[in-house]
PDB file of all heavy atoms in Angstrom:
ATOM      1  N   VAL A   1     121.884 152.197 220.427  1.00  0.00           N
ATOM      2  CA  VAL A   1     121.747 153.199 221.489  1.00  0.00           C
ATOM      3  C   VAL A   1     123.104 153.488 222.128  1.00  0.00           C
ATOM      4  O   VAL A   1     123.455 154.648 222.364  1.00  0.00           O
ATOM      5  CB  VAL A   1     120.717 152.734 222.547  1.00  0.00           C
ATOM      6  CG1 VAL A   1     120.773 153.594 223.802  1.00  0.00           C
ATOM      7  CG2 VAL A   1     119.326 152.755 221.950  1.00  0.00           C
ATOM      8  N   ILE A   2     123.875 152.453 222.386  1.00  0.00           N
ATOM      9  CA  ILE A   2     125.216 152.659 222.962  1.00  0.00           C
ATOM     10  C   ILE A   2     126.077 153.480 221.997  1.00  0.00           C
ATOM     11  O   ILE A   2     126.790 154.398 222.413  1.00  0.00           O
ATOM     12  CB  ILE A   2     125.885 151.304 223.280  1.00  0.00           C
ATOM     13  CG1 ILE A   2     125.122 150.565 224.364  1.00  0.00           C
ATOM     14  CG2 ILE A   2     127.344 151.482 223.675  1.00  0.00           C
ATOM     15  CD1 ILE A   2     125.067 151.262 225.701  1.00  0.00           C
ATOM     16  N   GLY A   3     126.009 153.178 220.697  1.00  0.00           N
ATOM     17  CA  GLY A   3     126.778 153.925 219.707  1.00  0.00           C
ATOM     18  C   GLY A   3     126.389 155.394 219.674  1.00  0.00           C
ATOM     19  O   GLY A   3     127.251 156.283 219.640  1.00  0.00           O
ATOM     20  N   VAL A   4     125.088 155.681 219.698  1.00  0.00           N
ATOM     21  CA  VAL A   4     124.619 157.075 219.699  1.00  0.00           C
ATOM     22  C   VAL A   4     125.058 157.778 220.973  1.00  0.00           C
ATOM     23  O   VAL A   4     125.505 158.936 220.942  1.00  0.00           O
ATOM     24  CB  VAL A   4     123.085 157.125 219.509  1.00  0.00           C
ATOM     25  CG1 VAL A   4     122.544 158.519 219.769  1.00  0.00           C
ATOM     26  CG2 VAL A   4     122.713 156.659 218.113  1.00  0.00           C
ATOM     27  N   MET A   5     124.942 157.095 222.102  1.00  0.00           N
ATOM     28  CA  MET A   5     125.375 157.710 223.376  1.00  0.00           C
ATOM     29  C   MET A   5     126.858 158.047 223.353  1.00  0.00           C
ATOM     30  O   MET A   5     127.264 159.147 223.763  1.00  0.00           O
ATOM     31  CB  MET A   5     125.071 156.770 224.555  1.00  0.00           C
ATOM     32  CG  MET A   5     123.617 156.724 224.931  1.00  0.00           C
ATOM     33  SD  MET A   5     123.228 155.545 226.241  1.00  0.00           S
ATOM     34  CE  MET A   5     124.463 155.847 227.439  1.00  0.00           C
ATOM     35  N   LEU A   6     127.680 157.121 222.866  1.00  0.00           N
ATOM     36  CA  LEU A   6     129.122 157.395 222.790  1.00  0.00           C
ATOM     37  C   LEU A   6     129.401 158.544 221.824  1.00  0.00           C
ATOM     38  O   LEU A   6     130.254 159.398 222.098  1.00  0.00           O
ATOM     39  CB  LEU A   6     129.885 156.136 222.374  1.00  0.00           C
ATOM     40  CG  LEU A   6     129.940 155.013 223.405  1.00  0.00           C
ATOM     41  CD1 LEU A   6     130.586 153.766 222.812  1.00  0.00           C
ATOM     42  CD2 LEU A   6     130.659 155.460 224.660  1.00  0.00           C
ATOM     43  N   GLY A   7     128.686 158.572 220.712  1.00  0.00           N
ATOM     44  CA  GLY A   7     128.843 159.680 219.767  1.00  0.00           C
ATOM     45  C   GLY A   7     128.503 161.009 220.398  1.00  0.00           C
ATOM     46  O   GLY A   7     129.227 162.011 220.225  1.00  0.00           O
ATOM     47  N   PHE A   8     127.408 161.070 221.172  1.00  0.00           N
ATOM     48  CA  PHE A   8     127.041 162.319 221.854  1.00  0.00           C
ATOM     49  C   PHE A   8     128.058 162.687 222.926  1.00  0.00           C
ATOM     50  O   PHE A   8     128.356 163.867 223.124  1.00  0.00           O
ATOM     51  CB  PHE A   8     125.649 162.206 222.462  1.00  0.00           C
ATOM     52  CG  PHE A   8     124.529 162.334 221.464  1.00  0.00           C
ATOM     53  CD1 PHE A   8     123.331 161.684 221.670  1.00  0.00           C
ATOM     54  CD2 PHE A   8     124.670 163.100 220.319  1.00  0.00           C
ATOM     55  CE1 PHE A   8     122.291 161.790 220.756  1.00  0.00           C
ATOM     56  CE2 PHE A   8     123.642 163.223 219.393  1.00  0.00           C
ATOM     57  CZ  PHE A   8     122.440 162.566 219.615  1.00  0.00           C
ATOM     58  N   LEU A   9     128.575 161.690 223.638  1.00  0.00           N
ATOM     59  CA  LEU A   9     129.589 161.978 224.666  1.00  0.00           C
ATOM     60  C   LEU A   9     130.826 162.610 224.051  1.00  0.00           C
ATOM     61  O   LEU A   9     131.411 163.543 224.608  1.00  0.00           O
ATOM     62  CB  LEU A   9     129.979 160.699 225.405  1.00  0.00           C
ATOM     63  CG  LEU A   9     129.004 160.198 226.455  1.00  0.00           C
ATOM     64  CD1 LEU A   9     129.437 158.828 226.971  1.00  0.00           C
ATOM     65  CD2 LEU A   9     128.900 161.172 227.599  1.00  0.00           C
ATOM     66  N   ILE A  10     131.234 162.121 222.900  1.00  0.00           N
ATOM     67  CA  ILE A  10     132.423 162.661 222.238  1.00  0.00           C
ATOM     68  C   ILE A  10     132.124 164.028 221.619  1.00  0.00           C
ATOM     69  O   ILE A  10     132.886 164.986 221.800  1.00  0.00           O
ATOM     70  CB  ILE A  10     132.932 161.664 221.170  1.00  0.00           C
ATOM     71  CG1 ILE A  10     133.456 160.404 221.858  1.00  0.00           C
ATOM     72  CG2 ILE A  10     134.009 162.309 220.292  1.00  0.00           C
ATOM     73  CD1 ILE A  10     133.692 159.240 220.920  1.00  0.00           C
ATOM     74  N   ARG A  11     131.016 164.129 220.913  1.00  0.00           N
ATOM     75  CA  ARG A  11     130.716 165.375 220.194  1.00  0.00           C
ATOM     76  C   ARG A  11     130.348 166.526 221.111  1.00  0.00           C
ATOM     77  O   ARG A  11     130.723 167.674 220.856  1.00  0.00           O
ATOM     78  CB  ARG A  11     129.578 165.116 219.215  1.00  0.00           C
ATOM     79  CG  ARG A  11     129.255 166.306 218.365  1.00  0.00           C
ATOM     80  CD  ARG A  11     128.274 165.958 217.290  1.00  0.00           C
ATOM     81  NE  ARG A  11     127.966 167.167 216.517  1.00  0.00           N
ATOM     82  CZ  ARG A  11     127.066 167.218 215.594  1.00  0.00           C
ATOM     83  NH1 ARG A  11     126.373 166.142 215.288  1.00  0.00           N
ATOM     84  NH2 ARG A  11     126.834 168.324 214.949  1.00  0.00           N
ATOM     85  N   TYR A  12     129.619 166.242 222.170  1.00  0.00           N
ATOM     86  CA  TYR A  12     129.114 167.322 223.021  1.00  0.00           C
ATOM     87  C   TYR A  12     129.745 167.335 224.406  1.00  0.00           C
ATOM     88  O   TYR A  12     129.104 167.744 225.369  1.00  0.00           O
ATOM     89  CB  TYR A  12     127.592 167.217 223.145  1.00  0.00           C
ATOM     90  CG  TYR A  12     126.878 167.364 221.824  1.00  0.00           C
ATOM     91  CD1 TYR A  12     126.239 166.284 221.232  1.00  0.00           C
ATOM     92  CD2 TYR A  12     126.859 168.580 221.164  1.00  0.00           C
ATOM     93  CE1 TYR A  12     125.586 166.411 220.017  1.00  0.00           C
ATOM     94  CE2 TYR A  12     126.218 168.720 219.949  1.00  0.00           C
ATOM     95  CZ  TYR A  12     125.587 167.634 219.380  1.00  0.00           C
ATOM     96  OH  TYR A  12     124.945 167.763 218.179  1.00  0.00           O
ATOM     97  N   ASN A  13     130.998 166.938 224.550  1.00  0.00           N
ATOM     98  CA  ASN A  13     131.600 166.966 225.881  1.00  0.00           C
ATOM     99  C   ASN A  13     131.875 168.405 226.302  1.00  0.00           C
ATOM    100  O   ASN A  13     131.906 169.335 225.493  1.00  0.00           O
ATOM    101  CB  ASN A  13     132.841 166.076 225.955  1.00  0.00           C
ATOM    102  CG  ASN A  13     134.043 166.641 225.235  1.00  0.00           C
ATOM    103  OD1 ASN A  13     134.204 167.846 225.109  1.00  0.00           O
ATOM    104  ND2 ASN A  13     134.896 165.758 224.755  1.00  0.00           N
ATOM    105  N   ALA A  14     132.093 168.622 227.588  1.00  0.00           N
ATOM    106  CA  ALA A  14     132.227 169.971 228.144  1.00  0.00           C
ATOM    107  C   ALA A  14     133.460 170.693 227.618  1.00  0.00           C
ATOM    108  O   ALA A  14     133.473 171.927 227.534  1.00  0.00           O
ATOM    109  CB  ALA A  14     132.255 169.902 229.659  1.00  0.00           C
ATOM    110  N   LYS A  15     134.513 169.995 227.259  1.00  0.00           N
ATOM    111  CA  LYS A  15     135.722 170.658 226.752  1.00  0.00           C
ATOM    112  C   LYS A  15     135.479 171.276 225.373  1.00  0.00           C
ATOM    113  O   LYS A  15     135.998 172.346 225.079  1.00  0.00           O
ATOM    114  CB  LYS A  15     136.879 169.655 226.680  1.00  0.00           C
ATOM    115  CG  LYS A  15     137.365 169.209 228.037  1.00  0.00           C
ATOM    116  CD  LYS A  15     138.471 168.194 227.893  1.00  0.00           C
ATOM    117  CE  LYS A  15     138.839 167.671 229.284  1.00  0.00           C
ATOM    118  NZ  LYS A  15     139.782 166.581 229.204  1.00  0.00           N
ATOM    119  N   ARG A  16     134.719 170.594 224.519  1.00  0.00           N
ATOM    120  CA  ARG A  16     134.446 171.124 223.180  1.00  0.00           C
ATOM    121  C   ARG A  16     133.325 172.156 223.187  1.00  0.00           C
ATOM    122  O   ARG A  16     133.269 173.020 222.315  1.00  0.00           O
ATOM    123  CB  ARG A  16     134.056 169.984 222.235  1.00  0.00           C
ATOM    124  CG  ARG A  16     135.196 169.088 221.882  1.00  0.00           C
ATOM    125  CD  ARG A  16     134.751 168.111 220.843  1.00  0.00           C
ATOM    126  NE  ARG A  16     135.849 167.256 220.445  1.00  0.00           N
ATOM    127  CZ  ARG A  16     135.756 166.295 219.585  1.00  0.00           C
ATOM    128  NH1 ARG A  16     134.609 166.042 219.014  1.00  0.00           N
ATOM    129  NH2 ARG A  16     136.802 165.573 219.272  1.00  0.00           N
ATOM    130  N   ASN A  17     132.407 172.017 224.110  1.00  0.00           N
ATOM    131  CA  ASN A  17     131.240 172.909 224.183  1.00  0.00           C
ATOM    132  C   ASN A  17     131.087 173.425 225.607  1.00  0.00           C
ATOM    133  O   ASN A  17     130.239 172.955 226.351  1.00  0.00           O
ATOM    134  CB  ASN A  17     129.975 172.157 223.756  1.00  0.00           C
ATOM    135  CG  ASN A  17     130.056 171.610 222.360  1.00  0.00           C
ATOM    136  OD1 ASN A  17     130.120 172.373 221.415  1.00  0.00           O
ATOM    137  ND2 ASN A  17     130.094 170.292 222.245  1.00  0.00           N
ATOM    138  N   PRO A  18     131.878 174.434 226.013  1.00  0.00           N
ATOM    139  CA  PRO A  18     131.808 174.901 227.402  1.00  0.00           C
ATOM    140  C   PRO A  18     130.486 175.579 227.747  1.00  0.00           C
ATOM    141  O   PRO A  18     130.082 175.566 228.904  1.00  0.00           O
ATOM    142  CB  PRO A  18     132.977 175.880 227.518  1.00  0.00           C
ATOM    143  CG  PRO A  18     133.374 176.211 226.124  1.00  0.00           C
ATOM    144  CD  PRO A  18     132.893 175.108 225.246  1.00  0.00           C
ATOM    145  N   THR A  19     129.784 176.128 226.770  1.00  0.00           N
ATOM    146  CA  THR A  19     128.482 176.739 227.060  1.00  0.00           C
ATOM    147  C   THR A  19     127.413 175.992 226.285  1.00  0.00           C
ATOM    148  O   THR A  19     127.582 175.669 225.099  1.00  0.00           O
ATOM    149  CB  THR A  19     128.461 178.233 226.661  1.00  0.00           C
ATOM    150  OG1 THR A  19     128.776 178.342 225.274  1.00  0.00           O
ATOM    151  CG2 THR A  19     129.460 179.026 227.479  1.00  0.00           C
ATOM    152  N   ALA A  20     126.327 175.759 226.951  1.00  0.00           N
ATOM    153  CA  ALA A  20     125.227 175.028 226.326  1.00  0.00           C
ATOM    154  C   ALA A  20     124.542 175.894 225.286  1.00  0.00           C
ATOM    155  O   ALA A  20     124.383 177.104 225.489  1.00  0.00           O
ATOM    156  CB  ALA A  20     124.232 174.590 227.377  1.00  0.00           C
ATOM    157  N   THR A  21     124.157 175.301 224.187  1.00  0.00           N
ATOM    158  CA  THR A  21     123.417 176.014 223.150  1.00  0.00           C
ATOM    159  C   THR A  21     122.031 175.408 223.053  1.00  0.00           C
ATOM    160  O   THR A  21     121.870 174.190 223.139  1.00  0.00           O
ATOM    161  CB  THR A  21     124.122 175.913 221.785  1.00  0.00           C
ATOM    162  OG1 THR A  21     124.284 174.548 221.460  1.00  0.00           O
ATOM    163  CG2 THR A  21     125.484 176.579 221.814  1.00  0.00           C
ATOM    164  N   PRO A  22     121.040 176.253 222.901  1.00  0.00           N
ATOM    165  CA  PRO A  22     119.677 175.706 222.811  1.00  0.00           C
ATOM    166  C   PRO A  22     119.490 174.917 221.518  1.00  0.00           C
ATOM    167  O   PRO A  22     120.083 175.239 220.491  1.00  0.00           O
ATOM    168  CB  PRO A  22     118.791 176.951 222.837  1.00  0.00           C
ATOM    169  CG  PRO A  22     119.666 178.079 222.414  1.00  0.00           C
ATOM    170  CD  PRO A  22     121.070 177.712 222.796  1.00  0.00           C
ATOM    171  N   THR A  23     118.688 173.892 221.601  1.00  0.00           N
ATOM    172  CA  THR A  23     118.383 173.091 220.416  1.00  0.00           C
ATOM    173  C   THR A  23     116.911 173.271 220.070  1.00  0.00           C
ATOM    174  O   THR A  23     116.086 173.555 220.933  1.00  0.00           O
ATOM    175  CB  THR A  23     118.663 171.599 220.656  1.00  0.00           C
ATOM    176  OG1 THR A  23     117.879 171.168 221.757  1.00  0.00           O
ATOM    177  CG2 THR A  23     120.122 171.352 220.942  1.00  0.00           C
ATOM    178  N   ARG A  24     116.616 173.084 218.822  1.00  0.00           N
ATOM    179  CA  ARG A  24     115.231 173.199 218.355  1.00  0.00           C
ATOM    180  C   ARG A  24     114.679 171.804 218.105  1.00  0.00           C
ATOM    181  O   ARG A  24     115.416 170.851 217.928  1.00  0.00           O
ATOM    182  CB  ARG A  24     115.182 174.028 217.089  1.00  0.00           C
ATOM    183  CG  ARG A  24     115.682 175.415 217.343  1.00  0.00           C
ATOM    184  CD  ARG A  24     115.304 176.326 216.249  1.00  0.00           C
ATOM    185  NE  ARG A  24     115.737 177.649 216.660  1.00  0.00           N
ATOM    186  CZ  ARG A  24     115.046 178.711 216.459  1.00  0.00           C
ATOM    187  NH1 ARG A  24     113.914 178.642 215.839  1.00  0.00           N
ATOM    188  NH2 ARG A  24     115.486 179.876 216.860  1.00  0.00           N
ATOM    189  N   GLU A  25     113.381 171.739 218.056  1.00  0.00           N
ATOM    190  CA  GLU A  25     112.749 170.446 217.807  1.00  0.00           C
ATOM    191  C   GLU A  25     113.089 169.935 216.417  1.00  0.00           C
ATOM    192  O   GLU A  25     113.349 170.704 215.496  1.00  0.00           O
ATOM    193  CB  GLU A  25     111.246 170.560 217.985  1.00  0.00           C
ATOM    194  CG  GLU A  25     110.616 171.520 216.990  1.00  0.00           C
ATOM    195  CD  GLU A  25     109.214 171.927 217.377  1.00  0.00           C
ATOM    196  OE1 GLU A  25     108.965 172.190 218.563  1.00  0.00           O
ATOM    197  OE2 GLU A  25     108.379 171.963 216.476  1.00  0.00           O
ATOM    198  N   ASN A  26     113.076 168.622 216.318  1.00  0.00           N
ATOM    199  CA  ASN A  26     113.349 167.972 215.038  1.00  0.00           C
ATOM    200  C   ASN A  26     112.184 167.012 214.773  1.00  0.00           C
ATOM    201  O   ASN A  26     112.169 165.876 215.248  1.00  0.00           O
ATOM    202  CB  ASN A  26     114.682 167.228 215.099  1.00  0.00           C
ATOM    203  CG  ASN A  26     115.090 166.677 213.762  1.00  0.00           C
ATOM    204  OD1 ASN A  26     114.259 166.420 212.904  1.00  0.00           O
ATOM    205  ND2 ASN A  26     116.386 166.488 213.589  1.00  0.00           N
ATOM    206  N   THR A  27     111.215 167.485 214.024  1.00  0.00           N
ATOM    207  CA  THR A  27     109.984 166.721 213.793  1.00  0.00           C
ATOM    208  C   THR A  27     110.266 165.386 213.112  1.00  0.00           C
ATOM    209  O   THR A  27     109.690 164.359 213.486  1.00  0.00           O
ATOM    210  CB  THR A  27     108.992 167.543 212.964  1.00  0.00           C
ATOM    211  OG1 THR A  27     108.783 168.800 213.626  1.00  0.00           O
ATOM    212  CG2 THR A  27     107.663 166.832 212.837  1.00  0.00           C
ATOM    213  N   ALA A  28     111.150 165.375 212.136  1.00  0.00           N
ATOM    214  CA  ALA A  28     111.452 164.127 211.427  1.00  0.00           C
ATOM    215  C   ALA A  28     112.028 163.086 212.384  1.00  0.00           C
ATOM    216  O   ALA A  28     111.640 161.911 212.345  1.00  0.00           O
ATOM    217  CB  ALA A  28     112.418 164.391 210.280  1.00  0.00           C
ATOM    218  N   LEU A  29     112.955 163.517 213.233  1.00  0.00           N
ATOM    219  CA  LEU A  29     113.555 162.594 214.198  1.00  0.00           C
ATOM    220  C   LEU A  29     112.510 162.069 215.181  1.00  0.00           C
ATOM    221  O   LEU A  29     112.497 160.876 215.505  1.00  0.00           O
ATOM    222  CB  LEU A  29     114.698 163.277 214.945  1.00  0.00           C
ATOM    223  CG  LEU A  29     115.465 162.415 215.939  1.00  0.00           C
ATOM    224  CD1 LEU A  29     116.115 161.240 215.223  1.00  0.00           C
ATOM    225  CD2 LEU A  29     116.510 163.248 216.660  1.00  0.00           C
ATOM    226  N   GLU A  30     111.618 162.924 215.643  1.00  0.00           N
ATOM    227  CA  GLU A  30     110.568 162.492 216.572  1.00  0.00           C
ATOM    228  C   GLU A  30     109.618 161.491 215.911  1.00  0.00           C
ATOM    229  O   GLU A  30     109.189 160.521 216.540  1.00  0.00           O
ATOM    230  CB  GLU A  30     109.808 163.701 217.100  1.00  0.00           C
ATOM    231  CG  GLU A  30     110.650 164.563 218.032  1.00  0.00           C
ATOM    232  CD  GLU A  30     109.914 165.776 218.534  1.00  0.00           C
ATOM    233  OE1 GLU A  30     108.663 165.792 218.473  1.00  0.00           O
ATOM    234  OE2 GLU A  30     110.591 166.703 219.006  1.00  0.00           O
ATOM    235  N   ILE A  31     109.311 161.712 214.651  1.00  0.00           N
ATOM    236  CA  ILE A  31     108.446 160.767 213.932  1.00  0.00           C
ATOM    237  C   ILE A  31     109.165 159.426 213.780  1.00  0.00           C
ATOM    238  O   ILE A  31     108.570 158.364 214.009  1.00  0.00           O
ATOM    239  CB  ILE A  31     108.032 161.345 212.563  1.00  0.00           C
ATOM    240  CG1 ILE A  31     107.048 162.491 212.771  1.00  0.00           C
ATOM    241  CG2 ILE A  31     107.427 160.260 211.679  1.00  0.00           C
ATOM    242  CD1 ILE A  31     106.723 163.274 211.518  1.00  0.00           C
ATOM    243  N   ILE A  32     110.439 159.467 213.434  1.00  0.00           N
ATOM    244  CA  ILE A  32     111.207 158.228 213.254  1.00  0.00           C
ATOM    245  C   ILE A  32     111.262 157.441 214.556  1.00  0.00           C
ATOM    246  O   ILE A  32     111.007 156.241 214.569  1.00  0.00           O
ATOM    247  CB  ILE A  32     112.626 158.539 212.728  1.00  0.00           C
ATOM    248  CG1 ILE A  32     112.550 158.980 211.270  1.00  0.00           C
ATOM    249  CG2 ILE A  32     113.544 157.326 212.872  1.00  0.00           C
ATOM    250  CD1 ILE A  32     113.844 159.535 210.722  1.00  0.00           C
ATOM    251  N   TRP A  33     111.592 158.095 215.687  1.00  0.00           N
ATOM    252  CA  TRP A  33     111.724 157.322 216.908  1.00  0.00           C
ATOM    253  C   TRP A  33     110.384 156.958 217.542  1.00  0.00           C
ATOM    254  O   TRP A  33     110.320 156.282 218.552  1.00  0.00           O
ATOM    255  CB  TRP A  33     112.699 157.920 217.895  1.00  0.00           C
ATOM    256  CG  TRP A  33     112.281 159.137 218.680  1.00  0.00           C
ATOM    257  CD1 TRP A  33     111.070 159.445 219.209  1.00  0.00           C
ATOM    258  CD2 TRP A  33     113.138 160.199 219.057  1.00  0.00           C
ATOM    259  NE1 TRP A  33     111.113 160.609 219.873  1.00  0.00           N
ATOM    260  CE2 TRP A  33     112.383 161.114 219.797  1.00  0.00           C
ATOM    261  CE3 TRP A  33     114.478 160.483 218.837  1.00  0.00           C
ATOM    262  CZ2 TRP A  33     112.915 162.275 220.319  1.00  0.00           C
ATOM    263  CZ3 TRP A  33     114.996 161.641 219.376  1.00  0.00           C
ATOM    264  CH2 TRP A  33     114.215 162.523 220.099  1.00  0.00           C
ATOM    265  N   THR A  34     109.301 157.407 216.936  1.00  0.00           N
ATOM    266  CA  THR A  34     107.975 156.951 217.342  1.00  0.00           C
ATOM    267  C   THR A  34     107.486 155.827 216.424  1.00  0.00           C
ATOM    268  O   THR A  34     106.962 154.815 216.895  1.00  0.00           O
ATOM    269  CB  THR A  34     106.968 158.125 217.311  1.00  0.00           C
ATOM    270  OG1 THR A  34     107.431 159.153 218.184  1.00  0.00           O
ATOM    271  CG2 THR A  34     105.591 157.667 217.732  1.00  0.00           C
ATOM    272  N   VAL A  35     107.684 155.985 215.125  1.00  0.00           N
ATOM    273  CA  VAL A  35     107.149 155.029 214.155  1.00  0.00           C
ATOM    274  C   VAL A  35     107.910 153.694 214.191  1.00  0.00           C
ATOM    275  O   VAL A  35     107.294 152.632 214.144  1.00  0.00           O
ATOM    276  CB  VAL A  35     107.161 155.639 212.735  1.00  0.00           C
ATOM    277  CG1 VAL A  35     106.862 154.592 211.685  1.00  0.00           C
ATOM    278  CG2 VAL A  35     106.159 156.777 212.664  1.00  0.00           C
TER     279      VAL A  35
END
C-alpha cells in the first residue's frame, strides 16, 4: 500500500497533471481488491 501510494504521488502530482482528468471504472481491479 505504501508503494502504491508513493507511486501515485509521483505519477499524479499537481506539477505533472495541473488539470484533473476523469477516470473510468476498472472492473478487473475492483474484483481483485475484493477477492
